Amino acid sequence: MPQTLTQFQDRIRLLYGSKDARRGVEGTFMWFMEEVGELSAALRSGPKDELAAEFADVLAWLVTLANIAEIDLDEAIAAKYGAGCPKCYRTPCACNEAKP
C-alpha cells in the first residue's frame, strides 16, 4: 500500500519512537551510517531485492533521525525543493548549463 512521506514518518514513529528516543541522535546516527554502508555494498554487487531492502532501511533510519530531531521531512523538502532547484529555482535544474 503506497504511503506519503508524512505517513511513513508517522509509521516509523509509532513502530519505534520510544526506542529511538532512548537511543538518541548519536546512537541513531551510527545505525544510519551502518545502513548506508550496507546500501553501498548492495549497490556494488547485490541482487535487486537486497538493494531494495537496503534503500528501505536507509530511508527508515533517516526518518528516525528526523523524528528524534523533531523535523517534519515533508515540510523540509517542500521548503528546500518546492520551488525547483534551490539555486536556480528551475525544473529541471539549469545551474550547469552556462558552464563549459
C-alpha atoms as a PDB file:
ATOM      1  CA  MET A   1       0.000   0.000   0.000  1.00  0.00           C
ATOM      2  CA  PRO A   2       1.587   3.321  -1.050  1.00  0.00           C
ATOM      3  CA  GLN A   3       2.307   5.859   1.671  1.00  0.00           C
ATOM      4  CA  THR A   4       3.176   9.518   1.683  1.00  0.00           C
ATOM      5  CA  LEU A   5       6.412  10.592   3.324  1.00  0.00           C
ATOM      6  CA  THR A   6       4.412  12.010   6.236  1.00  0.00           C
ATOM      7  CA  GLN A   7       2.576   8.704   6.674  1.00  0.00           C
ATOM      8  CA  PHE A   8       5.862   6.794   6.611  1.00  0.00           C
ATOM      9  CA  GLN A   9       7.435   9.162   9.136  1.00  0.00           C
ATOM     10  CA  ASP A  10       4.397   8.695  11.400  1.00  0.00           C
ATOM     11  CA  ARG A  11       4.549   4.907  10.960  1.00  0.00           C
ATOM     12  CA  ILE A  12       8.213   4.752  11.958  1.00  0.00           C
ATOM     13  CA  ARG A  13       7.436   6.966  14.970  1.00  0.00           C
ATOM     14  CA  LEU A  14       4.622   4.604  16.030  1.00  0.00           C
ATOM     15  CA  LEU A  15       6.716   1.481  15.492  1.00  0.00           C
ATOM     16  CA  TYR A  16       9.977   2.609  17.084  1.00  0.00           C
ATOM     17  CA  GLY A  17       9.543   6.074  18.616  1.00  0.00           C
ATOM     18  CA  SER A  18      10.172   5.174  22.250  1.00  0.00           C
ATOM     19  CA  LYS A  19      13.219   3.020  21.426  1.00  0.00           C
ATOM     20  CA  ASP A  20      14.565   5.725  19.131  1.00  0.00           C
ATOM     21  CA  ALA A  21      14.186   8.425  21.781  1.00  0.00           C
ATOM     22  CA  ARG A  22      16.132   6.320  24.297  1.00  0.00           C
ATOM     23  CA  ARG A  23      18.926   5.687  21.765  1.00  0.00           C
ATOM     24  CA  GLY A  24      19.209   9.387  20.931  1.00  0.00           C
ATOM     25  CA  VAL A  25      20.654  11.193  17.942  1.00  0.00           C
ATOM     26  CA  GLU A  26      24.238   9.940  18.291  1.00  0.00           C
ATOM     27  CA  GLY A  27      23.335   6.245  18.555  1.00  0.00           C
ATOM     28  CA  THR A  28      20.753   6.525  15.821  1.00  0.00           C
ATOM     29  CA  PHE A  29      23.196   8.286  13.524  1.00  0.00           C
ATOM     30  CA  MET A  30      25.642   5.394  13.931  1.00  0.00           C
ATOM     31  CA  TRP A  31      22.916   2.923  12.899  1.00  0.00           C
ATOM     32  CA  PHE A  32      22.047   5.157   9.950  1.00  0.00           C
ATOM     33  CA  MET A  33      25.674   5.172   8.800  1.00  0.00           C
ATOM     34  CA  GLU A  34      25.869   1.391   9.114  1.00  0.00           C
ATOM     35  CA  GLU A  35      22.818   1.097   6.865  1.00  0.00           C
ATOM     36  CA  VAL A  36      24.372   3.496   4.345  1.00  0.00           C
ATOM     37  CA  GLY A  37      27.412   1.195   4.288  1.00  0.00           C
ATOM     38  CA  GLU A  38      25.177  -1.804   3.628  1.00  0.00           C
ATOM     39  CA  LEU A  39      23.478   0.112   0.810  1.00  0.00           C
ATOM     40  CA  SER A  40      26.888   0.910  -0.643  1.00  0.00           C
ATOM     41  CA  ALA A  41      27.795  -2.780  -0.696  1.00  0.00           C
ATOM     42  CA  ALA A  42      24.447  -3.726  -2.232  1.00  0.00           C
ATOM     43  CA  LEU A  43      24.873  -1.094  -4.970  1.00  0.00           C
ATOM     44  CA  ARG A  44      28.123  -2.759  -5.999  1.00  0.00           C
ATOM     45  CA  SER A  45      27.037  -6.353  -6.087  1.00  0.00           C
ATOM     46  CA  GLY A  46      23.652  -7.039  -4.549  1.00  0.00           C
ATOM     47  CA  PRO A  47      20.627  -8.517  -6.270  1.00  0.00           C
ATOM     48  CA  LYS A  48      17.751  -6.118  -6.816  1.00  0.00           C
ATOM     49  CA  ASP A  49      15.659  -7.409  -3.890  1.00  0.00           C
ATOM     50  CA  GLU A  50      18.592  -6.897  -1.497  1.00  0.00           C
ATOM     51  CA  LEU A  51      19.195  -3.437  -2.948  1.00  0.00           C
ATOM     52  CA  ALA A  52      15.527  -2.506  -2.453  1.00  0.00           C
ATOM     53  CA  ALA A  53      15.652  -3.666   1.178  1.00  0.00           C
ATOM     54  CA  GLU A  54      18.771  -1.580   1.843  1.00  0.00           C
ATOM     55  CA  PHE A  55      17.179   1.529   0.317  1.00  0.00           C
ATOM     56  CA  ALA A  56      14.175   0.968   2.598  1.00  0.00           C
ATOM     57  CA  ASP A  57      16.452   0.592   5.637  1.00  0.00           C
ATOM     58  CA  VAL A  58      18.360   3.789   4.861  1.00  0.00           C
ATOM     59  CA  LEU A  59      15.123   5.717   4.417  1.00  0.00           C
ATOM     60  CA  ALA A  60      13.718   4.319   7.679  1.00  0.00           C
ATOM     61  CA  TRP A  61      16.834   5.346   9.636  1.00  0.00           C
ATOM     62  CA  LEU A  62      16.838   8.800   8.015  1.00  0.00           C
ATOM     63  CA  VAL A  63      13.193   9.229   9.033  1.00  0.00           C
ATOM     64  CA  THR A  64      14.101   8.051  12.529  1.00  0.00           C
ATOM     65  CA  LEU A  65      16.769  10.766  12.784  1.00  0.00           C
ATOM     66  CA  ALA A  66      14.250  13.353  11.612  1.00  0.00           C
ATOM     67  CA  ASN A  67      11.752  12.147  14.200  1.00  0.00           C
ATOM     68  CA  ILE A  68      14.278  12.417  17.024  1.00  0.00           C
ATOM     69  CA  ALA A  69      15.274  15.898  15.825  1.00  0.00           C
ATOM     70  CA  GLU A  70      11.575  16.844  15.523  1.00  0.00           C
ATOM     71  CA  ILE A  71      11.848  17.627  11.813  1.00  0.00           C
ATOM     72  CA  ASP A  72       8.840  17.157   9.545  1.00  0.00           C
ATOM     73  CA  LEU A  73      10.544  15.864   6.407  1.00  0.00           C
ATOM     74  CA  ASP A  74       7.619  16.718   4.148  1.00  0.00           C
ATOM     75  CA  GLU A  75       7.809  20.364   5.256  1.00  0.00           C
ATOM     76  CA  ALA A  76      11.608  20.410   4.997  1.00  0.00           C
ATOM     77  CA  ILE A  77      11.528  19.021   1.458  1.00  0.00           C
ATOM     78  CA  ALA A  78       8.822  21.459   0.361  1.00  0.00           C
ATOM     79  CA  ALA A  79      10.780  24.393   1.816  1.00  0.00           C
ATOM     80  CA  LYS A  80      14.041  23.356   0.141  1.00  0.00           C
ATOM     81  CA  TYR A  81      12.882  21.930  -3.218  1.00  0.00           C
ATOM     82  CA  GLY A  82       9.273  23.095  -3.612  1.00  0.00           C
ATOM     83  CA  ALA A  83      10.219  25.910  -5.998  1.00  0.00           C
ATOM     84  CA  GLY A  84      12.612  23.749  -8.033  1.00  0.00           C
ATOM     85  CA  CYS A  85      16.393  23.753  -7.744  1.00  0.00           C
ATOM     86  CA  PRO A  86      17.376  25.635  -4.559  1.00  0.00           C
ATOM     87  CA  LYS A  87      19.974  27.652  -6.533  1.00  0.00           C
ATOM     88  CA  CYS A  88      18.406  28.444  -9.904  1.00  0.00           C
ATOM     89  CA  TYR A  89      14.734  27.735  -8.997  1.00  0.00           C
ATOM     90  CA  ARG A  90      14.241  25.854 -12.262  1.00  0.00           C
ATOM     91  CA  THR A  91      12.879  22.400 -13.000  1.00  0.00           C
ATOM     92  CA  PRO A  92      14.921  20.716 -14.325  1.00  0.00           C
ATOM     93  CA  CYS A  93      17.939  22.370 -12.758  1.00  0.00           C
ATOM     94  CA  ALA A  94      19.840  24.641 -15.142  1.00  0.00           C
ATOM     95  CA  CYS A  95      22.782  25.516 -12.872  1.00  0.00           C
ATOM     96  CA  ASN A  96      25.397  23.846 -15.068  1.00  0.00           C
ATOM     97  CA  GLU A  97      24.016  24.972 -18.456  1.00  0.00           C
ATOM     98  CA  ALA A  98      26.245  28.051 -18.587  1.00  0.00           C
ATOM     99  CA  LYS A  99      29.418  26.150 -17.629  1.00  0.00           C
ATOM    100  CA  PRO A 100      31.538  24.562 -20.370  1.00  0.00           C
END
